């Protein structure tokens, strides 16, 4: 991935039951609340023979929510009473040529997103604003971390059962329902292999040398989700090596599954397969086919790259609320719409 201009390179109502406890005693309501069962997996690309061990997968349990990284990729996910939020960022590797750790930028961005997503003031309906606030903080630092990265953040707003997304660059998301793609992001590129990216350039450099895209350019969407939907967020290391149909086939067995162990095993298999394809010299990868379409010389095979995948399944859990029957009777008898 290049970085300088000179380098091309729910369908139903929630079930609600009530128990009458007598006048003035109390009203107990039983409703179902949507949430995401999440798992993450990734691999770092081998950068030298001594780093081949880095291609071994490292499973991440759902309890680990703070940002982690696989090579120059980073990710986070966060759960609060209001929302589940997930994000990935892919540090632009061209910075290595300038002696800069290309992963520091993506890690700092995801760390800030994680912290902001935990705040009571976080608006799950606007993940693009989350990117804007965090990127602004990075630029205002006295000694900012130099670099750039793509970014994709999605937020599942429980009260609406709606997924809000913001994607800048060639990382992205896919939403799967009943074995088919319901929605997916479209990559943003200036030209082939030159994605949109958030950038903090060296202060003494000519700004015209760099692509410095703004968070406001991230594509934002809203999508209503239903129980059993799958939401996948990943860096381009997945999409450049695994075609859509193969991804659907690999995830078909966990459509409607809500056990965290099963979701983790599924994302492990996806990353393991994508990693093997990325170093296959004769495989016609999606990246290889796009290179040919753009008349860009490419020797064929997969595209060695860092791979990060976060997978989530939409599930429901029971919530009980108790209130005074006289005070809550009017509102409690109006069932909450979980999935319009």
Protein backbone atom coordinates (compact mmCIF):
# COMPACT_ATOMS: atom_id res chain seq x y z
CA UNK A 1 0.00 0.00 0.00
CA UNK A 2 1.51 3.31 -1.07
CA UNK A 3 1.20 6.62 0.69
CA UNK A 4 2.91 9.30 -1.39
CA UNK A 5 1.46 10.91 -4.49
CA UNK A 6 4.51 9.92 -6.49
CA UNK A 7 3.90 6.22 -5.78
CA UNK A 8 0.92 4.60 -7.51
CA UNK A 9 0.87 1.72 -6.29
CA UNK A 10 -36.31 -7.03 13.88
CA UNK A 11 -38.27 -8.17 11.38
CA UNK A 12 -40.47 -8.74 14.44
CA UNK A 13 -41.58 -7.20 17.71
CA UNK A 14 -39.72 -7.99 20.90
CA UNK A 15 -41.64 -10.50 22.99
CA UNK A 16 -42.98 -8.78 26.08
CA UNK A 17 -44.84 -10.38 29.00
CA UNK A 18 -46.27 -8.75 32.09
CA UNK A 19 -47.14 -9.99 35.56
CA UNK A 20 -49.90 -8.12 37.38
CA UNK A 21 -49.13 -7.79 41.09
CA UNK A 22 -52.23 -5.95 42.23
CA UNK A 23 -53.10 -2.25 42.36
CA UNK A 24 -50.12 -0.13 43.32
CA UNK A 25 -47.85 -3.12 43.86
CA UNK A 26 -45.73 -3.41 40.75
CA UNK A 27 -45.44 -4.44 37.16
CA UNK A 28 -42.68 -6.76 35.92
CA UNK A 29 -41.92 -6.69 32.19
CA UNK A 30 -39.81 -9.22 30.32
CA UNK A 31 -38.32 -8.01 27.05
CA UNK A 32 -35.45 -8.97 24.80
CA UNK A 33 -32.50 -6.72 24.07
CA UNK A 34 -30.21 -7.14 21.05
CA UNK A 35 -26.44 -7.40 21.45
CA UNK A 36 -23.43 -8.67 19.52
CA UNK A 37 -21.45 -11.83 20.25
CA UNK A 38 -17.96 -10.92 19.04
CA UNK A 39 -14.64 -12.59 18.25
CA UNK A 40 -11.45 -11.40 16.55
CA UNK A 41 -8.50 -13.03 14.84
CA UNK A 42 -5.54 -11.88 12.79
CA UNK A 43 -2.17 -12.65 11.25
CA UNK A 44 0.87 -10.54 10.54
CA UNK A 45 2.46 -10.93 7.14
CA UNK A 46 6.01 -12.39 7.11
CA UNK A 47 8.50 -9.59 6.54
CA UNK A 48 11.61 -11.76 6.57
CA UNK A 49 12.42 -15.47 7.00
CA UNK A 50 12.98 -14.83 10.69
CA UNK A 51 9.44 -13.52 11.03
CA UNK A 52 7.63 -16.54 9.63
CA UNK A 53 6.43 -17.36 13.12
CA UNK A 54 4.43 -14.15 13.06
CA UNK A 55 2.05 -15.86 10.63
CA UNK A 56 0.79 -18.07 13.43
CA UNK A 57 -2.71 -17.01 14.49
CA UNK A 58 -3.33 -15.53 17.92
CA UNK A 59 -6.88 -15.91 19.18
CA UNK A 60 -8.37 -13.03 21.14
CA UNK A 61 -11.05 -13.80 23.71
CA UNK A 62 -14.15 -11.62 23.79
CA UNK A 63 -13.19 -10.32 27.22
CA UNK A 64 -10.16 -8.57 25.70
CA UNK A 65 -11.63 -5.32 24.43
CA UNK A 66 -8.75 -2.84 24.43
CA UNK A 67 -7.02 -2.30 21.08
CA UNK A 68 -4.64 -5.01 19.89
CA UNK A 69 -2.63 -5.35 16.73
CA UNK A 70 -1.50 -7.77 14.08
CA UNK A 71 1.52 -6.28 12.37
CA UNK A 72 0.54 -2.81 11.17
CA UNK A 73 -3.18 -3.53 11.60
CA UNK A 74 -5.00 -2.62 14.77
CA UNK A 75 -8.52 -3.16 16.06
CA UNK A 76 -10.83 -2.55 19.00
CA UNK A 77 -14.27 -3.49 20.17
CA UNK A 78 -16.31 -2.03 22.96
CA UNK A 79 -19.55 -2.96 24.71
CA UNK A 80 -21.64 -0.53 26.75
CA UNK A 81 -25.32 -0.60 27.79
CA UNK A 82 -26.10 1.54 24.74
CA UNK A 83 -23.98 0.08 21.96
CA UNK A 84 -21.49 -2.45 20.64
CA UNK A 85 -18.71 -0.74 18.69
CA UNK A 86 -16.03 -2.38 16.53
CA UNK A 87 -13.23 -0.92 14.45
CA UNK A 88 -10.16 -1.80 12.40
CA UNK A 89 -7.32 0.35 11.07
CA UNK A 90 -4.57 -0.58 8.62
CA UNK A 91 -1.31 1.34 9.00
CA UNK A 92 0.13 2.32 5.63
CA UNK A 93 3.33 0.31 5.18
CA UNK A 94 5.14 2.85 3.01
CA UNK A 95 6.20 4.72 6.14
CA UNK A 96 8.74 1.98 6.84
CA UNK A 97 10.85 3.45 4.02
CA UNK A 98 11.22 6.56 6.19
CA UNK A 99 12.15 4.63 9.31
CA UNK A 100 8.69 5.06 10.87
CA UNK A 101 6.77 2.22 12.52
CA UNK A 102 3.71 2.06 10.27
CA UNK A 103 1.64 0.36 13.00
CA UNK A 104 1.96 3.05 15.69
CA UNK A 105 -0.49 5.34 13.93
CA UNK A 106 -3.20 2.69 13.57
CA UNK A 107 -2.75 1.55 17.17
CA UNK A 108 -3.05 5.09 18.51
CA UNK A 109 -6.16 5.73 16.41
CA UNK A 110 -7.91 2.58 17.62
CA UNK A 111 -6.88 3.24 21.23
CA UNK A 112 -8.51 6.66 21.09
CA UNK A 113 -11.63 5.25 19.44
CA UNK A 114 -11.89 2.65 22.21
CA UNK A 115 -11.63 5.31 24.93
CA UNK A 116 -14.19 7.62 23.29
CA UNK A 117 -16.64 4.76 22.66
CA UNK A 118 -16.67 4.06 26.41
CA UNK A 119 -17.78 7.58 27.31
CA UNK A 120 -21.42 8.23 28.28
CA UNK A 121 -21.50 11.04 25.71
CA UNK A 122 -20.58 8.76 22.80
CA UNK A 123 -23.21 8.88 20.05
CA UNK A 124 -23.50 5.41 18.52
CA UNK A 125 -25.38 6.94 15.59
CA UNK A 126 -22.30 8.79 14.38
CA UNK A 127 -19.10 6.70 14.17
CA UNK A 128 -17.78 9.15 11.57
CA UNK A 129 -17.72 11.80 14.30
CA UNK A 130 -15.80 9.34 16.47
CA UNK A 131 -13.11 9.11 13.79
CA UNK A 132 -13.08 12.89 13.43
CA UNK A 133 -12.61 13.52 17.15
CA UNK A 134 -9.84 10.93 17.52
CA UNK A 135 -7.99 12.04 14.40
CA UNK A 136 -8.21 15.65 15.58
CA UNK A 137 -6.62 14.67 18.90
CA UNK A 138 -3.80 12.93 17.08
CA UNK A 139 -3.00 15.99 14.98
CA UNK A 140 -3.07 18.32 17.99
CA UNK A 141 -0.52 16.36 20.03
CA UNK A 142 2.64 18.28 20.86
CA UNK A 143 4.70 15.43 19.40
CA UNK A 144 2.22 13.68 17.10
CA UNK A 145 2.71 10.15 15.88
CA UNK A 146 3.57 10.37 12.20
CA UNK A 147 1.96 8.01 9.74
CA UNK A 148 -1.35 7.18 8.16
CA UNK A 149 -3.97 4.46 8.09
CA UNK A 150 -7.32 3.47 6.70
CA UNK A 151 -10.18 3.05 9.18
CA UNK A 152 -13.55 1.33 9.44
CA UNK A 153 -15.75 1.73 12.53
CA UNK A 154 -19.24 0.29 13.03
CA UNK A 155 -21.59 0.89 15.96
CA UNK A 156 -24.61 -1.26 16.82
CA UNK A 157 -27.14 1.01 18.53
CA UNK A 158 -29.20 -1.30 20.74
CA UNK A 159 -32.22 0.98 21.12
CA UNK A 160 -32.77 1.02 17.34
CA UNK A 161 -31.23 -2.35 16.47
CA UNK A 162 -29.38 -0.35 13.83
CA UNK A 163 -25.81 -0.60 12.60
CA UNK A 164 -24.13 2.72 11.89
CA UNK A 165 -20.93 2.60 9.87
CA UNK A 166 -18.08 4.88 8.81
CA UNK A 167 -15.46 3.63 6.37
CA UNK A 168 -12.45 5.46 4.97
CA UNK A 169 -10.15 3.59 2.59
CA UNK A 170 -10.00 -0.09 1.69
CA UNK A 171 -10.71 -1.72 5.02
CA UNK A 172 -14.43 -2.40 5.36
CA UNK A 173 -17.41 -4.35 6.62
CA UNK A 174 -19.84 -7.01 5.38
CA UNK A 175 -23.32 -7.76 6.78
CA UNK A 176 -24.62 -11.28 6.07
CA UNK A 177 -28.26 -12.39 6.39
CA UNK A 178 -29.52 -15.88 5.56
CA UNK A 179 -26.30 -16.78 3.79
CA UNK A 180 -26.26 -13.75 1.48
CA UNK A 181 -24.58 -10.35 1.61
CA UNK A 182 -27.13 -7.81 2.85
CA UNK A 183 -24.72 -4.89 2.70
CA UNK A 184 -21.01 -4.24 2.36
CA UNK A 185 -18.74 -1.24 2.20
CA UNK A 186 -17.11 -0.02 -0.99
CA UNK A 187 -13.42 0.72 -0.91
CA UNK A 188 -12.31 4.31 -1.41
CA UNK A 189 -9.15 4.75 -3.46
CA UNK A 190 -7.45 7.63 -5.23
CA UNK A 191 -6.29 5.03 -7.73
CA UNK A 192 -5.42 1.34 -7.62
CA UNK A 193 -3.78 0.35 -4.33
CA UNK A 194 -3.85 3.96 -3.12
CA UNK A 195 -6.61 4.09 -0.50
CA UNK A 196 -8.07 7.10 1.24
CA UNK A 197 -6.23 7.50 4.54
CA UNK A 198 -5.98 9.60 7.66
CA UNK A 199 -2.50 11.09 7.76
CA UNK A 200 -0.24 13.06 10.09
CA UNK A 201 2.76 14.05 7.88
CA UNK A 202 6.11 15.39 9.06
CA UNK A 203 5.60 19.04 10.05
CA UNK A 204 8.41 20.32 7.85
CA UNK A 205 7.32 18.47 4.70
CA UNK A 206 5.37 19.69 1.71
CA UNK A 207 1.74 18.76 2.33
CA UNK A 208 1.26 18.21 -1.40
CA UNK A 209 3.48 15.12 -1.11
CA UNK A 210 0.89 13.28 0.94
CA UNK A 211 -2.66 12.06 0.74
CA UNK A 212 -4.29 13.66 3.78
CA UNK A 213 -7.94 12.68 3.57
CA UNK A 214 -10.47 14.00 6.06
CA UNK A 215 -12.77 11.86 8.25
CA UNK A 216 -15.72 13.72 6.73
CA UNK A 217 -14.97 11.81 3.52
CA UNK A 218 -15.69 8.47 5.22
CA UNK A 219 -18.79 6.80 3.79
CA UNK A 220 -21.47 6.64 6.50
CA UNK A 221 -24.46 4.28 6.43
CA UNK A 222 -27.32 3.06 8.63
CA UNK A 223 -28.73 -0.47 8.43
CA UNK A 224 -31.42 -2.17 10.52
CA UNK A 225 -30.29 -5.56 11.80
CA UNK A 226 -32.20 -8.69 12.78
CA UNK A 227 -31.37 -11.61 15.08
CA UNK A 228 -28.87 -14.04 13.51
CA UNK A 229 -27.33 -11.43 11.19
CA UNK A 230 -23.54 -11.58 10.95
CA UNK A 231 -21.38 -8.46 10.94
CA UNK A 232 -17.77 -8.72 9.78
CA UNK A 233 -15.24 -5.88 9.93
CA UNK A 234 -11.80 -6.45 8.40
CA UNK A 235 -8.71 -4.89 6.87
CA UNK A 236 -7.92 -5.28 3.18
CA UNK A 237 -5.69 -8.27 3.90
CA UNK A 238 -8.91 -10.31 3.99
CA UNK A 239 -10.74 -8.73 1.05
CA UNK A 240 -7.66 -8.75 -1.21
CA UNK A 241 -7.25 -12.50 -0.76
CA UNK A 242 -10.69 -14.01 -0.19
CA UNK A 243 -13.56 -13.63 -2.69
CA UNK A 244 -17.03 -12.92 -1.37
CA UNK A 245 -18.49 -16.33 -2.20
CA UNK A 246 -15.72 -18.16 -0.36
CA UNK A 247 -16.30 -15.96 2.69
CA UNK A 248 -20.03 -16.72 2.63
CA UNK A 249 -19.39 -20.45 2.42
CA UNK A 250 -16.97 -20.37 5.34
CA UNK A 251 -19.41 -18.46 7.55
CA UNK A 252 -22.55 -20.39 6.60
CA UNK A 253 -22.22 -22.75 9.56
CA UNK A 254 -22.36 -19.94 12.12
CA UNK A 255 -25.35 -18.09 10.69
CA UNK A 256 -27.73 -18.01 13.65
CA UNK A 257 -25.11 -19.27 16.11
CA UNK A 258 -24.61 -17.17 19.25
CA UNK A 259 -22.00 -19.11 21.22
CA UNK A 260 -18.79 -17.11 21.51
CA UNK A 261 -16.63 -20.21 21.13
CA UNK A 262 -18.25 -21.07 17.80
CA UNK A 263 -17.87 -17.50 16.53
CA UNK A 264 -14.19 -17.54 17.56
CA UNK A 265 -13.57 -20.84 15.77
CA UNK A 266 -15.25 -19.49 12.64
CA UNK A 267 -13.13 -16.33 12.49
CA UNK A 268 -10.02 -18.42 13.18
CA UNK A 269 -10.78 -20.53 10.09
CA UNK A 270 -11.38 -17.48 7.93
CA UNK A 271 -8.07 -15.88 8.89
CA UNK A 272 -6.15 -19.13 8.52
CA UNK A 273 -7.55 -19.62 5.02
CA UNK A 274 -6.94 -16.02 3.98
CA UNK A 275 -3.38 -16.21 5.29
CA UNK A 276 -2.67 -19.36 3.27
CA UNK A 277 -4.13 -17.78 0.12
CA UNK A 278 -2.07 -14.61 0.62
CA UNK A 279 1.19 -16.52 0.12
CA UNK A 280 -0.03 -18.87 -2.61
CA UNK A 281 2.01 -17.96 -5.73
CA UNK A 282 -0.46 -19.41 -8.27
CA UNK A 283 -3.76 -18.34 -6.71
CA UNK A 284 -5.81 -15.80 -8.69
CA UNK A 285 -6.59 -13.54 -5.75
CA UNK A 286 -9.11 -10.67 -5.89
CA UNK A 287 -6.13 -8.31 -5.64
CA UNK A 288 -4.43 -9.98 -8.60
CA UNK A 289 -7.60 -9.74 -10.73
CA UNK A 290 -8.09 -6.06 -9.89
CA UNK A 291 -4.45 -5.34 -10.75
CA UNK A 292 -4.99 -6.87 -14.18
CA UNK A 293 -8.18 -4.84 -14.65
CA UNK A 294 -6.21 -1.68 -13.90
CA UNK A 295 -3.30 -2.64 -16.19
CA UNK A 296 -0.94 -2.82 -13.23
CA UNK A 297 1.82 -5.44 -13.56
CA UNK A 298 1.40 -8.10 -10.88
CA UNK A 299 3.10 -11.45 -10.87
CA UNK A 300 -0.04 -13.26 -9.77
CA UNK A 301 -0.89 -15.12 -6.62
CA UNK A 302 -2.15 -13.81 -3.32
CA UNK A 303 -1.22 -10.53 -1.70
CA UNK A 304 0.95 -10.97 1.42
CA UNK A 305 -0.48 -8.59 4.00
CA UNK A 306 -1.50 -8.23 7.60
CA UNK A 307 -5.00 -9.62 8.16
CA UNK A 308 -7.41 -8.57 10.90
CA UNK A 309 -11.03 -9.77 11.12
CA UNK A 310 -13.69 -9.00 13.74
CA UNK A 311 -16.82 -11.16 13.47
CA UNK A 312 -20.08 -10.62 15.37
CA UNK A 313 -23.45 -12.35 15.52
CA UNK A 314 -26.65 -10.52 16.48
CA UNK A 315 -28.24 -12.21 19.50
CA UNK A 316 -31.01 -11.42 22.00
CA UNK A 317 -30.99 -11.53 25.78
CA UNK A 318 -33.83 -11.20 28.24
CA UNK A 319 -34.12 -8.02 30.26
CA UNK A 320 -36.45 -7.67 33.24
CA UNK A 321 -37.74 -4.35 34.51
CA UNK A 322 -39.90 -3.68 37.57
CA UNK A 323 -41.98 -0.56 38.14
CA UNK A 324 -45.03 0.72 40.00
CA UNK A 325 -48.16 -0.52 38.25
CA UNK A 326 -50.03 2.76 38.52
CA UNK A 327 -47.12 4.85 37.20
CA UNK A 328 -45.81 2.54 34.50
CA UNK A 329 -49.01 0.95 33.27
CA UNK A 330 -49.51 3.29 30.34
CA UNK A 331 -46.00 3.05 28.92
CA UNK A 332 -45.22 -0.55 29.87
CA UNK A 333 -48.06 -1.92 27.79
CA UNK A 334 -46.57 -0.47 24.63
CA UNK A 335 -44.12 -3.14 23.38
CA UNK A 336 -40.71 -1.91 22.35
CA UNK A 337 -39.88 -2.34 18.67
CA UNK A 338 -36.64 -4.31 18.58
CA UNK A 339 -36.21 -4.92 14.89
CA UNK A 340 -38.42 -2.72 12.67
